[in-house]
Amino acid sequence: MNCKTCQAALPDLLLDPTAPGNSAARAHLKGCAACNVEFTALQSTFDLLDTWNAPEPSAYFDQKLAVRIREEQAAPPAGWFERLRSRLLFNTSRQFRPAFAGAMALALIVGGGTTAINVGRTHAPVQTSATVKDLQTLDKEDLVLQTMDQLLDDSSGEDDGATPVT
């Protein structure tokens, strides 16, 4: 038995020392000092809990509790905001599970439907106006003219590879 298994078995060893499954844990405790220290600490905690006495409730506890329950029942009902707040703060969230599942299903249906609709569509090319087309043509022609100017400037230089005549 390893230390991890033995430490998991320590509460059972304290609560039912005569159980037949505790023999392996007892044998491990004899050979392992760390587990024995853990067992001793747990045993002292249990002994301390055995000496603790719970305080007695007051003689009028039941009457006071009944009065407070009647006061709460007679109080005006809280507004919808307070009821919603208390449900959100003090619930186990089980009442919201069906609503959450429905909202998630609705989101999946809407998202899937939107995707299916958009996949089937073919996008028409964007119609551009005549003015925009003319401006684009002028930009292209200007670029061609600049390129031609650069080529003419480069050809006038003596970079053609021929040797100059002197």
Protein backbone atom coordinates (compact mmCIF):
# COMPACT_ATOMS: atom_id res chain seq x y z
CA MET A 1 0.00 0.00 0.00
CA ASN A 2 1.33 3.43 -0.87
CA CYS A 3 0.99 6.60 1.22
CA LYS A 4 -1.74 8.12 -0.93
CA THR A 5 -3.99 5.07 -0.57
CA CYS A 6 -3.25 4.86 3.13
CA GLN A 7 -4.12 8.51 3.75
CA ALA A 8 -7.42 8.00 1.92
CA ALA A 9 -8.15 5.08 4.26
CA LEU A 10 -7.32 6.95 7.51
CA PRO A 11 -10.87 8.24 8.20
CA ASP A 12 -12.25 4.71 7.76
CA LEU A 13 -9.59 3.44 10.14
CA LEU A 14 -10.67 5.97 12.77
CA LEU A 15 -14.42 5.50 12.31
CA ASP A 16 -14.42 1.68 12.13
CA PRO A 17 -11.14 0.29 13.49
CA THR A 18 -12.36 -3.33 13.46
CA ALA A 19 -13.20 -3.42 9.73
CA PRO A 20 -11.36 -6.19 7.87
CA GLY A 21 -10.21 -3.82 5.08
CA ASN A 22 -8.15 -1.76 7.55
CA SER A 23 -5.41 -4.37 8.08
CA ALA A 24 -3.36 -3.13 5.12
CA ALA A 25 -3.60 0.46 6.35
CA ARG A 26 -2.53 -0.59 9.87
CA ALA A 27 0.46 -2.46 8.44
CA HIS A 28 1.44 0.61 6.39
CA LEU A 29 1.15 2.85 9.47
CA LYS A 30 3.66 0.68 11.33
CA GLY A 31 6.27 1.14 8.61
CA CYS A 32 5.63 4.74 7.48
CA ALA A 33 6.40 7.59 9.89
CA ALA A 34 4.74 10.31 7.76
CA CYS A 35 1.43 8.43 7.55
CA ASN A 36 1.61 7.65 11.27
CA VAL A 37 2.00 11.38 12.06
CA GLU A 38 -1.00 12.13 9.81
CA PHE A 39 -3.04 9.41 11.56
CA THR A 40 -2.11 10.77 14.99
CA ALA A 41 -3.11 14.33 14.01
CA LEU A 42 -6.42 13.12 12.60
CA GLN A 43 -7.07 11.08 15.74
CA SER A 44 -6.41 14.10 17.98
CA THR A 45 -8.83 16.17 15.87
CA PHE A 46 -11.52 13.51 16.26
CA ASP A 47 -10.87 13.36 20.03
CA LEU A 48 -11.23 17.14 20.26
CA LEU A 49 -14.51 17.01 18.36
CA ASP A 50 -15.77 14.34 20.77
CA THR A 51 -15.24 16.70 23.73
CA TRP A 52 -17.14 19.61 22.12
CA ASN A 53 -20.65 20.19 23.41
CA ALA A 54 -23.16 22.00 21.24
CA PRO A 55 -24.86 24.92 23.00
CA GLU A 56 -28.45 24.42 24.04
CA PRO A 57 -31.00 26.59 22.22
CA SER A 58 -32.92 29.07 24.31
CA ALA A 59 -36.19 28.02 25.89
CA TYR A 60 -38.19 30.26 23.56
CA PHE A 61 -36.43 29.31 20.34
CA ASP A 62 -39.45 27.61 18.77
CA GLN A 63 -41.78 30.50 19.62
CA LYS A 64 -39.34 33.11 18.28
CA LEU A 65 -38.90 31.13 15.09
CA ALA A 66 -42.67 30.83 14.59
CA VAL A 67 -43.09 34.60 15.10
CA ARG A 68 -40.39 35.39 12.54
CA ILE A 69 -41.95 33.02 10.02
CA ARG A 70 -45.36 34.67 10.46
CA GLU A 71 -43.75 38.13 10.03
CA GLU A 72 -42.10 37.06 6.79
CA GLN A 73 -45.34 35.58 5.49
CA ALA A 74 -47.29 38.74 6.39
CA ALA A 75 -44.72 41.07 4.82
CA PRO A 76 -45.68 42.57 1.46
CA PRO A 77 -44.27 40.62 -1.46
CA ALA A 78 -41.02 41.89 -2.82
CA GLY A 79 -40.94 43.59 -6.18
CA TRP A 80 -39.96 41.70 -9.31
CA PHE A 81 -36.43 43.08 -9.18
CA GLU A 82 -35.87 41.82 -5.62
CA ARG A 83 -37.33 38.41 -6.48
CA LEU A 84 -35.11 38.17 -9.56
CA ARG A 85 -32.07 39.21 -7.52
CA SER A 86 -32.78 36.62 -4.82
CA ARG A 87 -33.29 33.92 -7.44
CA LEU A 88 -30.01 34.75 -9.08
CA LEU A 89 -28.12 34.90 -5.79
CA PHE A 90 -29.63 31.97 -3.91
CA ASN A 91 -30.61 29.42 -6.53
CA THR A 92 -29.08 26.18 -7.70
CA SER A 93 -29.47 27.29 -11.34
CA ARG A 94 -31.67 24.32 -12.16
CA GLN A 95 -34.60 26.54 -13.08
CA PHE A 96 -32.50 28.33 -15.70
CA ARG A 97 -31.22 25.21 -17.45
CA PRO A 98 -34.23 24.74 -19.78
CA ALA A 99 -34.21 28.42 -20.71
CA PHE A 100 -30.47 28.34 -21.32
CA ALA A 101 -30.77 25.20 -23.45
CA GLY A 102 -33.56 26.80 -25.48
CA ALA A 103 -31.55 29.98 -25.99
CA MET A 104 -28.54 28.00 -27.16
CA ALA A 105 -30.70 25.95 -29.56
CA LEU A 106 -32.23 29.14 -30.95
CA ALA A 107 -28.78 30.66 -31.42
CA LEU A 108 -27.61 27.54 -33.29
CA ILE A 109 -30.67 27.54 -35.52
CA VAL A 110 -30.39 31.24 -36.34
CA GLY A 111 -26.64 31.02 -36.91
CA GLY A 112 -26.94 27.88 -39.05
CA GLY A 113 -29.80 29.34 -41.06
CA THR A 114 -27.95 32.57 -41.67
CA THR A 115 -24.87 30.67 -42.79
CA ALA A 116 -26.92 28.43 -45.09
CA ILE A 117 -28.60 31.43 -46.68
CA ASN A 118 -25.31 33.27 -47.19
CA VAL A 119 -23.53 30.24 -48.65
CA GLY A 120 -26.19 29.84 -51.35
CA ARG A 121 -26.00 33.45 -52.48
CA THR A 122 -23.77 34.59 -55.28
CA HIS A 123 -22.52 38.05 -54.79
CA ALA A 124 -23.19 40.34 -57.73
CA PRO A 125 -20.28 42.53 -58.76
CA VAL A 126 -20.44 46.01 -57.42
CA GLN A 127 -21.60 48.48 -60.06
CA THR A 128 -19.26 51.42 -60.33
CA SER A 129 -20.24 54.71 -61.83
CA ALA A 130 -18.82 56.10 -65.05
CA THR A 131 -16.98 58.81 -63.14
CA VAL A 132 -15.14 56.30 -60.98
CA LYS A 133 -14.20 54.25 -64.06
CA ASP A 134 -12.84 57.35 -65.80
CA LEU A 135 -10.74 58.26 -62.75
CA GLN A 136 -9.36 54.73 -62.56
CA THR A 137 -8.46 54.85 -66.26
CA LEU A 138 -6.69 58.18 -65.80
CA ASP A 139 -4.69 56.77 -62.89
CA LYS A 140 -3.59 53.81 -65.00
CA GLU A 141 -2.64 56.05 -67.92
CA ASP A 142 -0.71 58.36 -65.60
CA LEU A 143 1.21 55.37 -64.27
CA VAL A 144 2.01 54.25 -67.83
CA LEU A 145 3.21 57.74 -68.75
CA GLN A 146 5.46 57.91 -65.67
CA THR A 147 6.96 54.55 -66.54
CA MET A 148 7.59 55.65 -70.14
CA ASP A 149 9.28 58.83 -68.90
CA GLN A 150 11.58 56.81 -66.68
CA LEU A 151 12.49 54.50 -69.53
CA LEU A 152 13.29 57.45 -71.83
CA ASP A 153 15.41 59.11 -69.15
CA ASP A 154 17.34 55.88 -68.59
CA SER A 155 17.99 55.34 -72.28
CA SER A 156 19.55 58.77 -72.73
CA GLY A 157 22.28 57.94 -70.24
CA GLU A 158 25.52 56.13 -71.09
CA ASP A 159 24.50 53.01 -69.34
CA ASP A 160 23.82 51.03 -72.50
CA GLY A 161 26.95 48.94 -72.19
CA ALA A 162 28.73 50.39 -75.24
CA THR A 163 32.04 52.07 -74.90
CA PRO A 164 32.02 55.82 -75.49
CA VAL A 165 33.74 57.11 -78.60
CA THR A 166 36.56 59.57 -77.96
